[in-house]
Amino acid sequence: MSDDKAANGARILLVEDSPVVSLSTEDALRDRGFFVVGPAYDMAAALDLSSREQIDAAIVDLNIRGEKCFQVLEILEKRDIPFVLTSGYADWTMPEEWMERPRLQKPFDEEALLKKVEKLVREKAG
């Protein structure tokens, strides 16, 4: 499956509290053919969207307004929704269960992020 077909209409949850990062990420996702769910700028929105929206994959900032997003990751895991973690902090301290998940350090290259998201969508589609 080509990257374009992997992206075609796939719904990506974006959990990101930085408006600058969020806007550029949204633009990159839409340009590649994804539908952006959110973005969730705070934990309440992230928990709500991750619980109730139809989502094919997610991009989750590890720290949202000073809170770690572990509850969001648990919801995504229970719903079998793959995700990539991002962080602007050098501290990637997190429970062992999340250590092997795909992640990118901010500032990240948008193309690298898109490739990771496309891979998640392809793998989920089987």
PDB file of N, CA and C in Angstrom:
ATOM      1  N   MET A   1       0.846  -1.179   0.000  1.00  0.00           N
ATOM      2  CA  MET A   1       0.000   0.000   0.000  1.00  0.00           C
ATOM      3  C   MET A   1       0.889   1.238   0.000  1.00  0.00           C
ATOM      4  N   SER A   2       0.574   2.159  -0.888  1.00  0.00           N
ATOM      5  CA  SER A   2       1.380   3.372  -0.947  1.00  0.00           C
ATOM      6  C   SER A   2       1.054   4.282   0.222  1.00  0.00           C
ATOM      7  N   ASP A   3       1.941   5.226   0.481  1.00  0.00           N
ATOM      8  CA  ASP A   3       1.714   6.162   1.566  1.00  0.00           C
ATOM      9  C   ASP A   3       0.433   6.945   1.357  1.00  0.00           C
ATOM     10  N   ASP A   4       0.131   7.322   0.107  1.00  0.00           N
ATOM     11  CA  ASP A   4      -1.080   8.077  -0.159  1.00  0.00           C
ATOM     12  C   ASP A   4      -2.324   7.268   0.207  1.00  0.00           C
ATOM     13  N   LYS A   5      -2.326   5.994  -0.133  1.00  0.00           N
ATOM     14  CA  LYS A   5      -3.474   5.159   0.206  1.00  0.00           C
ATOM     15  C   LYS A   5      -3.549   4.922   1.704  1.00  0.00           C
ATOM     16  N   ALA A   6      -2.417   4.842   2.372  1.00  0.00           N
ATOM     17  CA  ALA A   6      -2.421   4.670   3.826  1.00  0.00           C
ATOM     18  C   ALA A   6      -3.048   5.883   4.482  1.00  0.00           C
ATOM     19  N   ALA A   7      -2.782   7.057   3.958  1.00  0.00           N
ATOM     20  CA  ALA A   7      -3.265   8.295   4.563  1.00  0.00           C
ATOM     21  C   ALA A   7      -4.698   8.606   4.187  1.00  0.00           C
ATOM     22  N   ASN A   8      -5.170   8.079   3.076  1.00  0.00           N
ATOM     23  CA  ASN A   8      -6.435   8.495   2.500  1.00  0.00           C
ATOM     24  C   ASN A   8      -7.588   8.441   3.501  1.00  0.00           C
ATOM     25  N   GLY A   9      -7.888   9.598   4.094  1.00  0.00           N
ATOM     26  CA  GLY A   9      -9.024   9.700   4.995  1.00  0.00           C
ATOM     27  C   GLY A   9      -8.809   9.162   6.398  1.00  0.00           C
ATOM     28  N   ALA A  10      -7.649   8.618   6.695  1.00  0.00           N
ATOM     29  CA  ALA A  10      -7.413   8.092   8.033  1.00  0.00           C
ATOM     30  C   ALA A  10      -7.559   9.219   9.051  1.00  0.00           C
ATOM     31  N   ARG A  11      -8.185   8.889  10.173  1.00  0.00           N
ATOM     32  CA  ARG A  11      -8.484   9.873  11.214  1.00  0.00           C
ATOM     33  C   ARG A  11      -7.387   9.841  12.278  1.00  0.00           C
ATOM     34  N   ILE A  12      -6.696  10.973  12.423  1.00  0.00           N
ATOM     35  CA  ILE A  12      -5.557  11.063  13.346  1.00  0.00           C
ATOM     36  C   ILE A  12      -5.884  12.030  14.474  1.00  0.00           C
ATOM     37  N   LEU A  13      -5.864  11.521  15.695  1.00  0.00           N
ATOM     38  CA  LEU A  13      -6.038  12.364  16.873  1.00  0.00           C
ATOM     39  C   LEU A  13      -4.737  13.109  17.125  1.00  0.00           C
ATOM     40  N   LEU A  14      -4.836  14.417  17.310  1.00  0.00           N
ATOM     41  CA  LEU A  14      -3.667  15.232  17.622  1.00  0.00           C
ATOM     42  C   LEU A  14      -3.834  15.810  19.021  1.00  0.00           C
ATOM     43  N   VAL A  15      -2.936  15.402  19.921  1.00  0.00           N
ATOM     44  CA  VAL A  15      -2.908  15.914  21.290  1.00  0.00           C
ATOM     45  C   VAL A  15      -1.643  16.744  21.411  1.00  0.00           C
ATOM     46  N   GLU A  16      -1.816  18.064  21.424  1.00  0.00           N
ATOM     47  CA  GLU A  16      -0.664  18.980  21.397  1.00  0.00           C
ATOM     48  C   GLU A  16      -1.075  20.312  22.006  1.00  0.00           C
ATOM     49  N   ASP A  17      -0.335  20.768  23.030  1.00  0.00           N
ATOM     50  CA  ASP A  17      -0.711  22.018  23.691  1.00  0.00           C
ATOM     51  C   ASP A  17      -0.025  23.255  23.125  1.00  0.00           C
ATOM     52  N   SER A  18       0.936  23.094  22.235  1.00  0.00           N
ATOM     53  CA  SER A  18       1.591  24.243  21.609  1.00  0.00           C
ATOM     54  C   SER A  18       0.838  24.629  20.341  1.00  0.00           C
ATOM     55  N   PRO A  19       0.248  25.833  20.297  1.00  0.00           N
ATOM     56  CA  PRO A  19      -0.477  26.233  19.088  1.00  0.00           C
ATOM     57  C   PRO A  19       0.395  26.222  17.830  1.00  0.00           C
ATOM     58  N   VAL A  20       1.641  26.624  17.954  1.00  0.00           N
ATOM     59  CA  VAL A  20       2.532  26.660  16.783  1.00  0.00           C
ATOM     60  C   VAL A  20       2.773  25.248  16.244  1.00  0.00           C
ATOM     61  N   VAL A  21       3.118  24.325  17.131  1.00  0.00           N
ATOM     62  CA  VAL A  21       3.370  22.939  16.720  1.00  0.00           C
ATOM     63  C   VAL A  21       2.076  22.318  16.194  1.00  0.00           C
ATOM     64  N   SER A  22       0.978  22.590  16.878  1.00  0.00           N
ATOM     65  CA  SER A  22      -0.302  22.029  16.481  1.00  0.00           C
ATOM     66  C   SER A  22      -0.697  22.469  15.075  1.00  0.00           C
ATOM     67  N   LEU A  23      -0.612  23.760  14.799  1.00  0.00           N
ATOM     68  CA  LEU A  23      -1.003  24.263  13.482  1.00  0.00           C
ATOM     69  C   LEU A  23      -0.148  23.688  12.360  1.00  0.00           C
ATOM     70  N   SER A  24       1.160  23.639  12.568  1.00  0.00           N
ATOM     71  CA  SER A  24       2.027  23.101  11.506  1.00  0.00           C
ATOM     72  C   SER A  24       1.804  21.605  11.320  1.00  0.00           C
ATOM     73  N   THR A  25       1.555  20.891  12.424  1.00  0.00           N
ATOM     74  CA  THR A  25       1.304  19.449  12.327  1.00  0.00           C
ATOM     75  C   THR A  25      -0.032  19.191  11.637  1.00  0.00           C
ATOM     76  N   GLU A  26      -1.050  19.962  12.000  1.00  0.00           N
ATOM     77  CA  GLU A  26      -2.350  19.830  11.336  1.00  0.00           C
ATOM     78  C   GLU A  26      -2.219  20.042   9.832  1.00  0.00           C
ATOM     79  N   ASP A  27      -1.525  21.098   9.446  1.00  0.00           N
ATOM     80  CA  ASP A  27      -1.344  21.389   8.017  1.00  0.00           C
ATOM     81  C   ASP A  27      -0.641  20.242   7.303  1.00  0.00           C
ATOM     82  N   ALA A  28       0.413  19.725   7.917  1.00  0.00           N
ATOM     83  CA  ALA A  28       1.169  18.625   7.300  1.00  0.00           C
ATOM     84  C   ALA A  28       0.301  17.374   7.156  1.00  0.00           C
ATOM     85  N   LEU A  29      -0.489  17.068   8.182  1.00  0.00           N
ATOM     86  CA  LEU A  29      -1.361  15.895   8.125  1.00  0.00           C
ATOM     87  C   LEU A  29      -2.430  16.061   7.040  1.00  0.00           C
ATOM     88  N   ARG A  30      -3.045  17.220   7.003  1.00  0.00           N
ATOM     89  CA  ARG A  30      -4.094  17.450   5.998  1.00  0.00           C
ATOM     90  C   ARG A  30      -3.523  17.424   4.584  1.00  0.00           C
ATOM     91  N   ASP A  31      -2.337  18.026   4.415  1.00  0.00           N
ATOM     92  CA  ASP A  31      -1.696  18.022   3.097  1.00  0.00           C
ATOM     93  C   ASP A  31      -1.420  16.599   2.618  1.00  0.00           C
ATOM     94  N   ARG A  32      -1.208  15.682   3.553  1.00  0.00           N
ATOM     95  CA  ARG A  32      -0.898  14.289   3.222  1.00  0.00           C
ATOM     96  C   ARG A  32      -2.173  13.449   3.079  1.00  0.00           C
ATOM     97  N   GLY A  33      -3.336  14.038   3.327  1.00  0.00           N
ATOM     98  CA  GLY A  33      -4.584  13.310   3.121  1.00  0.00           C
ATOM     99  C   GLY A  33      -5.222  12.750   4.371  1.00  0.00           C
ATOM    100  N   PHE A  34      -4.710  13.103   5.546  1.00  0.00           N
ATOM    101  CA  PHE A  34      -5.305  12.651   6.799  1.00  0.00           C
ATOM    102  C   PHE A  34      -6.422  13.594   7.222  1.00  0.00           C
ATOM    103  N   PHE A  35      -7.342  13.080   8.025  1.00  0.00           N
ATOM    104  CA  PHE A  35      -8.364  13.889   8.682  1.00  0.00           C
ATOM    105  C   PHE A  35      -7.905  14.080  10.124  1.00  0.00           C
ATOM    106  N   VAL A  36      -7.809  15.328  10.579  1.00  0.00           N
ATOM    107  CA  VAL A  36      -7.311  15.611  11.926  1.00  0.00           C
ATOM    108  C   VAL A  36      -8.475  15.664  12.908  1.00  0.00           C
ATOM    109  N   VAL A  37      -8.382  14.849  13.949  1.00  0.00           N
ATOM    110  CA  VAL A  37      -9.336  14.867  15.050  1.00  0.00           C
ATOM    111  C   VAL A  37      -8.713  15.733  16.144  1.00  0.00           C
ATOM    112  N   GLY A  38      -9.417  16.775  16.545  1.00  0.00           N
ATOM    113  CA  GLY A  38      -8.863  17.720  17.502  1.00  0.00           C
ATOM    114  C   GLY A  38      -8.420  18.962  16.762  1.00  0.00           C
ATOM    115  N   PRO A  39      -7.369  19.536  17.213  1.00  0.00           N
ATOM    116  CA  PRO A  39      -6.430  19.055  18.226  1.00  0.00           C
ATOM    117  C   PRO A  39      -6.958  19.254  19.651  1.00  0.00           C
ATOM    118  N   ALA A  40      -6.437  18.438  20.534  1.00  0.00           N
ATOM    119  CA  ALA A  40      -6.718  18.558  21.961  1.00  0.00           C
ATOM    120  C   ALA A  40      -5.590  19.369  22.573  1.00  0.00           C
ATOM    121  N   TYR A  41      -5.942  20.543  23.106  1.00  0.00           N
ATOM    122  CA  TYR A  41      -4.943  21.438  23.689  1.00  0.00           C
ATOM    123  C   TYR A  41      -4.770  21.231  25.196  1.00  0.00           C
ATOM    124  N   ASP A  42      -5.688  20.488  25.820  1.00  0.00           N
ATOM    125  CA  ASP A  42      -5.567  20.241  27.257  1.00  0.00           C
ATOM    126  C   ASP A  42      -5.989  18.802  27.561  1.00  0.00           C
ATOM    127  N   MET A  43      -5.783  18.386  28.806  1.00  0.00           N
ATOM    128  CA  MET A  43      -6.029  16.993  29.171  1.00  0.00           C
ATOM    129  C   MET A  43      -7.511  16.624  29.066  1.00  0.00           C
ATOM    130  N   ALA A  44      -8.411  17.531  29.447  1.00  0.00           N
ATOM    131  CA  ALA A  44      -9.844  17.225  29.366  1.00  0.00           C
ATOM    132  C   ALA A  44     -10.245  16.910  27.930  1.00  0.00           C
ATOM    133  N   ALA A  45      -9.817  17.729  26.991  1.00  0.00           N
ATOM    134  CA  ALA A  45     -10.142  17.492  25.583  1.00  0.00           C
ATOM    135  C   ALA A  45      -9.482  16.208  25.084  1.00  0.00           C
ATOM    136  N   ALA A  46      -8.246  15.966  25.504  1.00  0.00           N
ATOM    137  CA  ALA A  46      -7.535  14.755  25.073  1.00  0.00           C
ATOM    138  C   ALA A  46      -8.247  13.496  25.558  1.00  0.00           C
ATOM    139  N   LEU A  47      -8.684  13.504  26.798  1.00  0.00           N
ATOM    140  CA  LEU A  47      -9.401  12.349  27.353  1.00  0.00           C
ATOM    141  C   LEU A  47     -10.741  12.156  26.645  1.00  0.00           C
ATOM    142  N   ASP A  48     -11.444  13.253  26.401  1.00  0.00           N
ATOM    143  CA  ASP A  48     -12.732  13.186  25.731  1.00  0.00           C
ATOM    144  C   ASP A  48     -12.593  12.645  24.309  1.00  0.00           C
ATOM    145  N   LEU A  49     -11.722  13.242  23.529  1.00  0.00           N
ATOM    146  CA  LEU A  49     -11.561  12.830  22.136  1.00  0.00           C
ATOM    147  C   LEU A  49     -11.036  11.406  22.013  1.00  0.00           C
ATOM    148  N   SER A  50     -10.077  11.037  22.861  1.00  0.00           N
ATOM    149  CA  SER A  50      -9.511   9.684  22.776  1.00  0.00           C
ATOM    150  C   SER A  50     -10.534   8.626  23.178  1.00  0.00           C
ATOM    151  N   SER A  51     -11.519   9.003  23.974  1.00  0.00           N
ATOM    152  CA  SER A  51     -12.546   8.062  24.437  1.00  0.00           C
ATOM    153  C   SER A  51     -13.687   7.872  23.445  1.00  0.00           C
ATOM    154  N   ARG A  52     -14.079   8.962  22.754  1.00  0.00           N
ATOM    155  CA  ARG A  52     -15.330   8.882  22.006  1.00  0.00           C
ATOM    156  C   ARG A  52     -15.214   9.003  20.494  1.00  0.00           C
ATOM    157  N   GLU A  53     -14.122   9.523  19.996  1.00  0.00           N
ATOM    158  CA  GLU A  53     -14.003   9.743  18.554  1.00  0.00           C
ATOM    159  C   GLU A  53     -13.528   8.488  17.820  1.00  0.00           C
ATOM    160  N   GLN A  54     -13.931   8.394  16.554  1.00  0.00           N
ATOM    161  CA  GLN A  54     -13.383   7.356  15.682  1.00  0.00           C
ATOM    162  C   GLN A  54     -11.976   7.812  15.303  1.00  0.00           C
ATOM    163  N   ILE A  55     -10.982   6.980  15.609  1.00  0.00           N
ATOM    164  CA  ILE A  55      -9.579   7.344  15.395  1.00  0.00           C
ATOM    165  C   ILE A  55      -8.842   6.141  14.818  1.00  0.00           C
ATOM    166  N   ASP A  56      -7.985   6.406  13.830  1.00  0.00           N
ATOM    167  CA  ASP A  56      -7.161   5.342  13.264  1.00  0.00           C
ATOM    168  C   ASP A  56      -5.764   5.307  13.879  1.00  0.00           C
ATOM    169  N   ALA A  57      -5.280   6.465  14.329  1.00  0.00           N
ATOM    170  CA  ALA A  57      -3.964   6.576  14.972  1.00  0.00           C
ATOM    171  C   ALA A  57      -3.936   7.913  15.715  1.00  0.00           C
ATOM    172  N   ALA A  58      -2.902   8.105  16.532  1.00  0.00           N
ATOM    173  CA  ALA A  58      -2.823   9.342  17.309  1.00  0.00           C
ATOM    174  C   ALA A  58      -1.385   9.820  17.422  1.00  0.00           C
ATOM    175  N   ILE A  59      -1.271  11.137  17.547  1.00  0.00           N
ATOM    176  CA  ILE A  59       0.000  11.794  17.864  1.00  0.00           C
ATOM    177  C   ILE A  59      -0.225  12.439  19.219  1.00  0.00           C
ATOM    178  N   VAL A  60       0.551  12.024  20.210  1.00  0.00           N
ATOM    179  CA  VAL A  60       0.310  12.476  21.578  1.00  0.00           C
ATOM    180  C   VAL A  60       1.566  13.110  22.159  1.00  0.00           C
ATOM    181  N   ASP A  61       1.447  14.382  22.506  1.00  0.00           N
ATOM    182  CA  ASP A  61       2.510  15.065  23.234  1.00  0.00           C
ATOM    183  C   ASP A  61       2.522  14.477  24.645  1.00  0.00           C
ATOM    184  N   LEU A  62       3.673  14.026  25.094  1.00  0.00           N
ATOM    185  CA  LEU A  62       3.777  13.362  26.386  1.00  0.00           C
ATOM    186  C   LEU A  62       3.377  14.274  27.542  1.00  0.00           C
ATOM    187  N   ASN A  63       3.660  15.572  27.423  1.00  0.00           N
ATOM    188  CA  ASN A  63       3.352  16.534  28.483  1.00  0.00           C
ATOM    189  C   ASN A  63       2.374  17.578  27.966  1.00  0.00           C
ATOM    190  N   ILE A  64       1.176  17.581  28.534  1.00  0.00           N
ATOM    191  CA  ILE A  64       0.168  18.562  28.160  1.00  0.00           C
ATOM    192  C   ILE A  64      -0.087  19.474  29.360  1.00  0.00           C
ATOM    193  N   ARG A  65       0.335  20.710  29.202  1.00  0.00           N
ATOM    194  CA  ARG A  65       0.146  21.712  30.261  1.00  0.00           C
ATOM    195  C   ARG A  65       0.593  21.204  31.632  1.00  0.00           C
ATOM    196  N   GLY A  66       1.767  20.561  31.633  1.00  0.00           N
ATOM    197  CA  GLY A  66       2.356  20.095  32.882  1.00  0.00           C
ATOM    198  C   GLY A  66       1.896  18.732  33.357  1.00  0.00           C
ATOM    199  N   GLU A  67       0.993  18.090  32.632  1.00  0.00           N
ATOM    200  CA  GLU A  67       0.511  16.761  33.004  1.00  0.00           C
ATOM    201  C   GLU A  67       0.997  15.727  31.999  1.00  0.00           C
ATOM    202  N   LYS A  68       1.404  14.577  32.491  1.00  0.00           N
ATOM    203  CA  LYS A  68       1.758  13.465  31.599  1.00  0.00           C
ATOM    204  C   LYS A  68       0.476  12.857  31.036  1.00  0.00           C
ATOM    205  N   CYS A  69       0.523  12.408  29.818  1.00  0.00           N
ATOM    206  CA  CYS A  69      -0.657  11.914  29.101  1.00  0.00           C
ATOM    207  C   CYS A  69      -0.898  10.409  29.259  1.00  0.00           C
ATOM    208  N   PHE A  70      -0.489   9.839  30.355  1.00  0.00           N
ATOM    209  CA  PHE A  70      -0.609   8.390  30.504  1.00  0.00           C
ATOM    210  C   PHE A  70      -2.055   7.897  30.436  1.00  0.00           C
ATOM    211  N   GLN A  71      -3.007   8.675  30.960  1.00  0.00           N
ATOM    212  CA  GLN A  71      -4.418   8.265  30.888  1.00  0.00           C
ATOM    213  C   GLN A  71      -4.886   8.190  29.436  1.00  0.00           C
ATOM    214  N   VAL A  72      -4.447   9.113  28.635  1.00  0.00           N
ATOM    215  CA  VAL A  72      -4.804   9.110  27.213  1.00  0.00           C
ATOM    216  C   VAL A  72      -4.215   7.862  26.547  1.00  0.00           C
ATOM    217  N   LEU A  73      -2.963   7.556  26.866  1.00  0.00           N
ATOM    218  CA  LEU A  73      -2.317   6.374  26.284  1.00  0.00           C
ATOM    219  C   LEU A  73      -3.059   5.104  26.683  1.00  0.00           C
ATOM    220  N   GLU A  74      -3.515   5.032  27.914  1.00  0.00           N
ATOM    221  CA  GLU A  74      -4.275   3.857  28.375  1.00  0.00           C
ATOM    222  C   GLU A  74      -5.567   3.694  27.580  1.00  0.00           C
ATOM    223  N   ILE A  75      -6.259   4.802  27.339  1.00  0.00           N
ATOM    224  CA  ILE A  75      -7.498   4.750  26.552  1.00  0.00           C
ATOM    225  C   ILE A  75      -7.200   4.273  25.129  1.00  0.00           C
ATOM    226  N   LEU A  76      -6.173   4.850  24.523  1.00  0.00           N
ATOM    227  CA  LEU A  76      -5.812   4.442  23.162  1.00  0.00           C
ATOM    228  C   LEU A  76      -5.437   2.966  23.114  1.00  0.00           C
ATOM    229  N   GLU A  77      -4.683   2.528  24.083  1.00  0.00           N
ATOM    230  CA  GLU A  77      -4.276   1.116  24.145  1.00  0.00           C
ATOM    231  C   GLU A  77      -5.496   0.199  24.248  1.00  0.00           C
ATOM    232  N   LYS A  78      -6.440   0.540  25.120  1.00  0.00           N
ATOM    233  CA  LYS A  78      -7.654  -0.279  25.286  1.00  0.00           C
ATOM    234  C   LYS A  78      -8.474  -0.318  24.007  1.00  0.00           C
ATOM    235  N   ARG A  79      -8.432   0.753  23.244  1.00  0.00           N
ATOM    236  CA  ARG A  79      -9.188   0.823  21.993  1.00  0.00           C
ATOM    237  C   ARG A  79      -8.384   0.296  20.798  1.00  0.00           C
ATOM    238  N   ASP A  80      -7.175  -0.187  21.059  1.00  0.00           N
ATOM    239  CA  ASP A  80      -6.301  -0.725  20.013  1.00  0.00           C
ATOM    240  C   ASP A  80      -5.996   0.325  18.939  1.00  0.00           C
ATOM    241  N   ILE A  81      -5.720   1.551  19.398  1.00  0.00           N
ATOM    242  CA  ILE A  81      -5.374   2.644  18.501  1.00  0.00           C
ATOM    243  C   ILE A  81      -3.881   2.922  18.643  1.00  0.00           C
ATOM    244  N   PRO A  82      -3.116   2.758  17.573  1.00  0.00           N
ATOM    245  CA  PRO A  82      -1.673   3.014  17.643  1.00  0.00           C
ATOM    246  C   PRO A  82      -1.376   4.505  17.780  1.00  0.00           C
ATOM    247  N   PHE A  83      -0.244   4.816  18.381  1.00  0.00           N
ATOM    248  CA  PHE A  83       0.116   6.221  18.582  1.00  0.00           C
ATOM    249  C   PHE A  83       1.616   6.419  18.524  1.00  0.00           C
ATOM    250  N   VAL A  84       1.993   7.669  18.254  1.00  0.00           N
ATOM    251  CA  VAL A  84       3.384   8.100  18.325  1.00  0.00           C
ATOM    252  C   VAL A  84       3.429   9.190  19.390  1.00  0.00           C
ATOM    253  N   LEU A  85       4.444   9.118  20.237  1.00  0.00           N
ATOM    254  CA  LEU A  85       4.642  10.103  21.300  1.00  0.00           C
ATOM    255  C   LEU A  85       5.590  11.194  20.829  1.00  0.00           C
ATOM    256  N   THR A  86       5.331  12.421  21.253  1.00  0.00           N
ATOM    257  CA  THR A  86       6.252  13.515  20.997  1.00  0.00           C
ATOM    258  C   THR A  86       6.545  14.213  22.321  1.00  0.00           C
ATOM    259  N   SER A  87       7.692  14.863  22.383  1.00  0.00           N
ATOM    260  CA  SER A  87       8.023  15.628  23.584  1.00  0.00           C
ATOM    261  C   SER A  87       9.094  16.655  23.266  1.00  0.00           C
ATOM    262  N   GLY A  88       8.962  17.781  23.910  1.00  0.00           N
ATOM    263  CA  GLY A  88       9.978  18.820  23.798  1.00  0.00           C
ATOM    264  C   GLY A  88      10.952  18.774  24.951  1.00  0.00           C
ATOM    265  N   TYR A  89      10.730  17.852  25.874  1.00  0.00           N
ATOM    266  CA  TYR A  89      11.592  17.704  27.045  1.00  0.00           C
ATOM    267  C   TYR A  89      12.559  16.549  26.846  1.00  0.00           C
ATOM    268  N   ALA A  90      13.725  16.668  27.416  1.00  0.00           N
ATOM    269  CA  ALA A  90      14.708  15.585  27.332  1.00  0.00           C
ATOM    270  C   ALA A  90      14.287  14.396  28.199  1.00  0.00           C
ATOM    271  N   ASP A  91      13.436  14.650  29.185  1.00  0.00           N
ATOM    272  CA  ASP A  91      13.001  13.607  30.121  1.00  0.00           C
ATOM    273  C   ASP A  91      11.869  12.779  29.507  1.00  0.00           C
ATOM    274  N   TRP A  92      12.197  11.557  29.125  1.00  0.00           N
ATOM    275  CA  TRP A  92      11.208  10.633  28.579  1.00  0.00           C
ATOM    276  C   TRP A  92      10.765   9.627  29.633  1.00  0.00           C
ATOM    277  N   THR A  93      10.820  10.011  30.907  1.00  0.00           N
ATOM    278  CA  THR A  93      10.436   9.105  31.976  1.00  0.00           C
ATOM    279  C   THR A  93       8.965   8.741  31.830  1.00  0.00           C
ATOM    280  N   MET A  94       8.729   7.432  31.767  1.00  0.00           N
ATOM    281  CA  MET A  94       7.362   6.944  31.641  1.00  0.00           C
ATOM    282  C   MET A  94       7.323   5.475  32.021  1.00  0.00           C
ATOM    283  N   PRO A  95       6.132   4.952  32.263  1.00  0.00           N
ATOM    284  CA  PRO A  95       6.020   3.531  32.585  1.00  0.00           C
ATOM    285  C   PRO A  95       6.638   2.658  31.482  1.00  0.00           C
ATOM    286  N   GLU A  96       7.164   1.548  31.898  1.00  0.00           N
ATOM    287  CA  GLU A  96       7.839   0.611  30.990  1.00  0.00           C
ATOM    288  C   GLU A  96       6.974   0.244  29.783  1.00  0.00           C
ATOM    289  N   GLU A  97       5.670   0.111  29.982  1.00  0.00           N
ATOM    290  CA  GLU A  97       4.782  -0.320  28.899  1.00  0.00           C
ATOM    291  C   GLU A  97       4.771   0.632  27.702  1.00  0.00           C
ATOM    292  N   TRP A  98       5.165   1.896  27.920  1.00  0.00           N
ATOM    293  CA  TRP A  98       5.145   2.864  26.827  1.00  0.00           C
ATOM    294  C   TRP A  98       6.537   3.133  26.250  1.00  0.00           C
ATOM    295  N   MET A  99       7.572   2.572  26.851  1.00  0.00           N
ATOM    296  CA  MET A  99       8.955   2.893  26.455  1.00  0.00           C
ATOM    297  C   MET A  99       9.300   2.506  25.018  1.00  0.00           C
ATOM    298  N   GLU A 100       8.712   1.461  24.513  1.00  0.00           N
ATOM    299  CA  GLU A 100       9.046   0.983  23.167  1.00  0.00           C
ATOM    300  C   GLU A 100       8.162   1.577  22.080  1.00  0.00           C
ATOM    301  N   ARG A 101       7.270   2.453  22.425  1.00  0.00           N
ATOM    302  CA  ARG A 101       6.377   3.059  21.436  1.00  0.00           C
ATOM    303  C   ARG A 101       7.140   4.048  20.557  1.00  0.00           C
ATOM    304  N   PRO A 102       6.675   4.232  19.326  1.00  0.00           N
ATOM    305  CA  PRO A 102       7.332   5.211  18.445  1.00  0.00           C
ATOM    306  C   PRO A 102       7.276   6.597  19.086  1.00  0.00           C
ATOM    307  N   ARG A 103       8.384   7.332  18.950  1.00  0.00           N
ATOM    308  CA  ARG A 103       8.412   8.678  19.521  1.00  0.00           C
ATOM    309  C   ARG A 103       9.352   9.575  18.747  1.00  0.00           C
ATOM    310  N   LEU A 104       9.091  10.868  18.902  1.00  0.00           N
ATOM    311  CA  LEU A 104       9.918  11.884  18.249  1.00  0.00           C
ATOM    312  C   LEU A 104      10.172  13.016  19.227  1.00  0.00           C
ATOM    313  N   GLN A 105      11.401  13.481  19.230  1.00  0.00           N
ATOM    314  CA  GLN A 105      11.789  14.622  20.051  1.00  0.00           C
ATOM    315  C   GLN A 105      11.481  15.904  19.290  1.00  0.00           C
ATOM    316  N   LYS A 106      10.861  16.869  19.973  1.00  0.00           N
ATOM    317  CA  LYS A 106      10.614  18.185  19.363  1.00  0.00           C
ATOM    318  C   LYS A 106      11.870  19.025  19.470  1.00  0.00           C
ATOM    319  N   PRO A 107      12.121  19.871  18.521  1.00  0.00           N
ATOM    320  CA  PRO A 107      11.338  20.005  17.288  1.00  0.00           C
ATOM    321  C   PRO A 107      11.618  18.830  16.361  1.00  0.00           C
ATOM    322  N   PHE A 108      10.568  18.246  15.827  1.00  0.00           N
ATOM    323  CA  PHE A 108      10.727  17.095  14.945  1.00  0.00           C
ATOM    324  C   PHE A 108      10.561  17.518  13.492  1.00  0.00           C
ATOM    325  N   ASP A 109      11.108  16.700  12.632  1.00  0.00           N
ATOM    326  CA  ASP A 109      10.954  16.881  11.197  1.00  0.00           C
ATOM    327  C   ASP A 109       9.555  16.393  10.814  1.00  0.00           C
ATOM    328  N   GLU A 110       8.767  17.228  10.165  1.00  0.00           N
ATOM    329  CA  GLU A 110       7.401  16.851   9.819  1.00  0.00           C
ATOM    330  C   GLU A 110       7.351  15.604   8.952  1.00  0.00           C
ATOM    331  N   GLU A 111       8.292  15.462   8.053  1.00  0.00           N
ATOM    332  CA  GLU A 111       8.305  14.273   7.188  1.00  0.00           C
ATOM    333  C   GLU A 111       8.538  13.016   8.011  1.00  0.00           C
ATOM    334  N   ALA A 112       9.401  13.090   9.003  1.00  0.00           N
ATOM    335  CA  ALA A 112       9.640  11.933   9.884  1.00  0.00           C
ATOM    336  C   ALA A 112       8.364  11.571  10.641  1.00  0.00           C
ATOM    337  N   LEU A 113       7.642  12.584  11.101  1.00  0.00           N
ATOM    338  CA  LEU A 113       6.383  12.338  11.808  1.00  0.00           C
ATOM    339  C   LEU A 113       5.363  11.700  10.866  1.00  0.00           C
ATOM    340  N   LEU A 114       5.236  12.227   9.671  1.00  0.00           N
ATOM    341  CA  LEU A 114       4.282  11.688   8.716  1.00  0.00           C
ATOM    342  C   LEU A 114       4.593  10.238   8.372  1.00  0.00           C
ATOM    343  N   LYS A 115       5.853   9.916   8.227  1.00  0.00           N
ATOM    344  CA  LYS A 115       6.234   8.525   7.928  1.00  0.00           C
ATOM    345  C   LYS A 115       5.839   7.599   9.077  1.00  0.00           C
ATOM    346  N   LYS A 116       6.041   8.054  10.314  1.00  0.00           N
ATOM    347  CA  LYS A 116       5.655   7.235  11.473  1.00  0.00           C
ATOM    348  C   LYS A 116       4.141   7.033  11.520  1.00  0.00           C
ATOM    349  N   VAL A 117       3.398   8.098  11.274  1.00  0.00           N
ATOM    350  CA  VAL A 117       1.937   8.002  11.295  1.00  0.00           C
ATOM    351  C   VAL A 117       1.446   7.097  10.170  1.00  0.00           C
ATOM    352  N   GLU A 118       2.003   7.257   8.985  1.00  0.00           N
ATOM    353  CA  GLU A 118       1.614   6.399   7.865  1.00  0.00           C
ATOM    354  C   GLU A 118       1.891   4.931   8.176  1.00  0.00           C
ATOM    355  N   LYS A 119       3.006   4.651   8.809  1.00  0.00           N
ATOM    356  CA  LYS A 119       3.345   3.283   9.182  1.00  0.00           C
ATOM    357  C   LYS A 119       2.317   2.728  10.173  1.00  0.00           C
ATOM    358  N   LEU A 120       1.942   3.533  11.166  1.00  0.00           N
ATOM    359  CA  LEU A 120       0.946   3.097  12.145  1.00  0.00           C
ATOM    360  C   LEU A 120      -0.381   2.762  11.461  1.00  0.00           C
ATOM    361  N   VAL A 121      -0.813   3.632  10.551  1.00  0.00           N
ATOM    362  CA  VAL A 121      -2.081   3.429   9.847  1.00  0.00           C
ATOM    363  C   VAL A 121      -2.022   2.173   8.986  1.00  0.00           C
ATOM    364  N   ARG A 122      -0.914   1.988   8.265  1.00  0.00           N
ATOM    365  CA  ARG A 122      -0.747   0.783   7.425  1.00  0.00           C
ATOM    366  C   ARG A 122      -0.799  -0.482   8.280  1.00  0.00           C
ATOM    367  N   GLU A 123      -0.054  -0.473   9.397  1.00  0.00           N
ATOM    368  CA  GLU A 123      -0.017  -1.666  10.244  1.00  0.00           C
ATOM    369  C   GLU A 123      -1.379  -1.975  10.853  1.00  0.00           C
ATOM    370  N   LYS A 124      -2.105  -0.937  11.233  1.00  0.00           N
ATOM    371  CA  LYS A 124      -3.443  -1.152  11.817  1.00  0.00           C
ATOM    372  C   LYS A 124      -4.393  -1.706  10.768  1.00  0.00           C
ATOM    373  N   ALA A 125      -4.261  -1.238   9.540  1.00  0.00           N
ATOM    374  CA  ALA A 125      -5.142  -1.714   8.462  1.00  0.00           C
ATOM    375  C   ALA A 125      -4.846  -3.163   8.083  1.00  0.00           C
ATOM    376  N   GLY A 126      -3.636  -3.629   8.471  1.00  0.00           N
ATOM    377  CA  GLY A 126      -3.290  -5.018   8.230  1.00  0.00           C
ATOM    378  C   GLY A 126      -2.633  -5.223   6.932  1.00  0.00           C
TER     379      GLY A 126
END
